[in-house]
């Protein structure tokens, strides 16, 4: 499975048009880093949307600007649906802010584990344009 290494995150390209983005430990992810992540996905996928599985390392959060950009209509160019893995209560609260305050206009759901997140994402494969 191909892996892209960026400063803020790793991106594993999985089968079925899924990309697993994992933000590294101990970071406050900035809008520029989210932008670089989307650019890397766009280059790798040649403009095709992706089903995005998101996880974050211990002590990692996103700046408000990064959350706003990640959920903006502009980001829908890159992402068809998001599944966020939440590892604890504080992370769940942060993810809830992302979903409820920023209100992405694409399907988004939170999950306690990778397997359920992947199952849900695969149900949204019809949102990806055929190659």
Protein backbone atom coordinates (compact mmCIF):
# COMPACT_ATOMS: atom_id res chain seq x y z
CA UNK A 1 0.00 0.00 0.00
CA UNK A 2 1.49 3.33 -1.03
CA UNK A 3 2.31 5.77 1.78
CA UNK A 4 2.85 9.50 1.42
CA UNK A 5 4.96 11.12 4.15
CA UNK A 6 4.18 14.76 4.88
CA UNK A 7 5.43 16.86 7.76
CA UNK A 8 2.08 16.89 9.57
CA UNK A 9 0.71 13.51 8.56
CA UNK A 10 1.04 10.21 6.79
CA UNK A 11 -1.36 9.24 4.02
CA UNK A 12 -1.92 5.54 3.31
CA UNK A 13 -3.70 4.88 0.03
CA UNK A 14 -5.98 1.89 0.60
CA UNK A 15 -8.10 -0.17 -1.76
CA UNK A 16 -11.51 1.12 -2.77
CA UNK A 17 -10.57 4.80 -3.19
CA UNK A 18 -9.91 5.18 0.56
CA UNK A 19 -7.07 7.27 1.96
CA UNK A 20 -6.14 6.99 5.64
CA UNK A 21 -4.71 10.27 6.89
CA UNK A 22 -3.01 10.09 10.28
CA UNK A 23 -1.90 13.35 11.84
CA UNK A 24 1.28 12.88 13.85
CA UNK A 25 1.49 13.09 17.66
CA UNK A 26 1.78 16.37 19.55
CA UNK A 27 0.74 18.76 16.79
CA UNK A 28 -1.62 21.63 16.31
CA UNK A 29 -2.44 21.12 12.66
CA UNK A 30 -2.50 24.39 10.73
CA UNK A 31 -4.51 25.31 7.64
CA UNK A 32 -1.39 25.18 5.44
CA UNK A 33 -0.80 21.56 6.49
CA UNK A 34 -4.37 20.58 5.63
CA UNK A 35 -3.93 22.33 2.28
CA UNK A 36 -0.71 20.36 1.62
CA UNK A 37 -2.53 17.14 2.52
CA UNK A 38 -5.30 17.89 0.01
CA UNK A 39 -2.73 18.82 -2.66
CA UNK A 40 -0.88 15.53 -2.10
CA UNK A 41 -4.14 13.58 -2.41
CA UNK A 42 -5.10 15.48 -5.55
CA UNK A 43 -1.71 14.82 -7.17
CA UNK A 44 -1.73 11.14 -6.23
CA UNK A 45 -5.34 10.61 -7.30
CA UNK A 46 -5.05 12.78 -10.41
CA UNK A 47 -7.99 14.90 -9.33
CA UNK A 48 -10.31 12.05 -8.34
CA UNK A 49 -12.07 12.40 -5.01
CA UNK A 50 -11.21 10.15 -2.10
CA UNK A 51 -13.04 8.54 0.81
CA UNK A 52 -11.10 9.94 3.76
CA UNK A 53 -10.36 8.00 6.94
CA UNK A 54 -8.93 10.39 9.53
CA UNK A 55 -7.05 9.60 12.74
CA UNK A 56 -4.93 11.82 14.94
CA UNK A 57 -2.01 11.12 17.19
CA UNK A 58 -1.84 11.66 20.92
CA UNK A 59 -1.93 15.33 21.87
CA UNK A 60 -2.86 16.42 18.36
CA UNK A 61 -5.57 18.90 17.50
CA UNK A 62 -6.44 21.18 14.60
CA UNK A 63 -6.49 24.95 14.63
CA UNK A 64 -9.90 26.51 14.11
CA UNK A 65 -8.76 27.75 10.69
CA UNK A 66 -7.63 24.23 9.73
CA UNK A 67 -10.98 22.76 10.79
CA UNK A 68 -12.83 25.45 8.85
CA UNK A 69 -10.80 24.76 5.69
CA UNK A 70 -11.07 20.97 6.07
CA UNK A 71 -14.87 21.27 6.17
CA UNK A 72 -15.27 24.04 3.57
CA UNK A 73 -17.08 23.59 0.26
CA UNK A 74 -13.63 24.01 -1.35
CA UNK A 75 -12.47 20.79 0.34
CA UNK A 76 -15.34 18.87 -1.30
CA UNK A 77 -13.27 18.96 -4.50
CA UNK A 78 -10.91 16.44 -2.85
CA UNK A 79 -13.08 14.43 -0.45
CA UNK A 80 -16.37 12.57 -1.05
CA UNK A 81 -16.92 11.46 2.58
CA UNK A 82 -15.04 11.49 5.91
CA UNK A 83 -14.84 8.89 8.65
CA UNK A 84 -13.12 10.16 11.80
CA UNK A 85 -11.70 7.69 14.31
CA UNK A 86 -12.16 9.06 17.82
CA UNK A 87 -9.92 7.57 20.46
CA UNK A 88 -11.16 9.23 23.66
CA UNK A 89 -13.73 11.67 25.04
CA UNK A 90 -11.68 14.83 24.49
CA UNK A 91 -11.06 13.83 20.88
CA UNK A 92 -14.76 13.11 20.46
CA UNK A 93 -15.57 16.62 21.71
CA UNK A 94 -13.16 18.15 19.20
CA UNK A 95 -14.60 16.03 16.38
CA UNK A 96 -18.11 17.09 17.40
CA UNK A 97 -17.08 20.74 17.07
CA UNK A 98 -15.77 19.99 13.58
CA UNK A 99 -19.03 18.31 12.54
CA UNK A 100 -21.57 20.54 14.29
CA UNK A 101 -19.93 23.96 14.10
CA UNK A 102 -18.27 23.79 10.70
CA UNK A 103 -21.03 21.66 9.14
CA UNK A 104 -19.29 19.96 6.22
CA UNK A 105 -21.64 19.50 3.28
CA UNK A 106 -20.44 15.97 2.53
CA UNK A 107 -21.20 12.80 4.54
CA UNK A 108 -19.15 12.64 7.74
CA UNK A 109 -19.30 10.26 10.68
CA UNK A 110 -17.30 9.46 13.81
CA UNK A 111 -16.28 5.93 14.78
CA UNK A 112 -14.55 4.23 17.72
CA UNK A 113 -12.45 1.96 15.46
CA UNK A 114 -10.94 1.69 12.00
CA UNK A 115 -12.97 -1.34 10.89
CA UNK A 116 -16.37 0.30 11.40
CA UNK A 117 -15.10 3.51 9.82
CA UNK A 118 -13.92 1.63 6.73
CA UNK A 119 -17.22 -0.27 6.45
CA UNK A 120 -19.11 3.02 6.50
CA UNK A 121 -16.78 4.68 3.98
CA UNK A 122 -17.14 1.80 1.54
CA UNK A 123 -20.93 2.33 1.61
CA UNK A 124 -20.23 5.77 0.12
CA UNK A 125 -18.13 4.56 -2.81
CA UNK A 126 -20.89 5.63 -5.22
CA UNK A 127 -19.84 9.24 -4.51
CA UNK A 128 -16.51 8.67 -6.30
CA UNK A 129 -16.45 9.39 -10.01
CA UNK A 130 -15.58 6.29 -12.07
CA UNK A 131 -11.98 6.24 -13.27
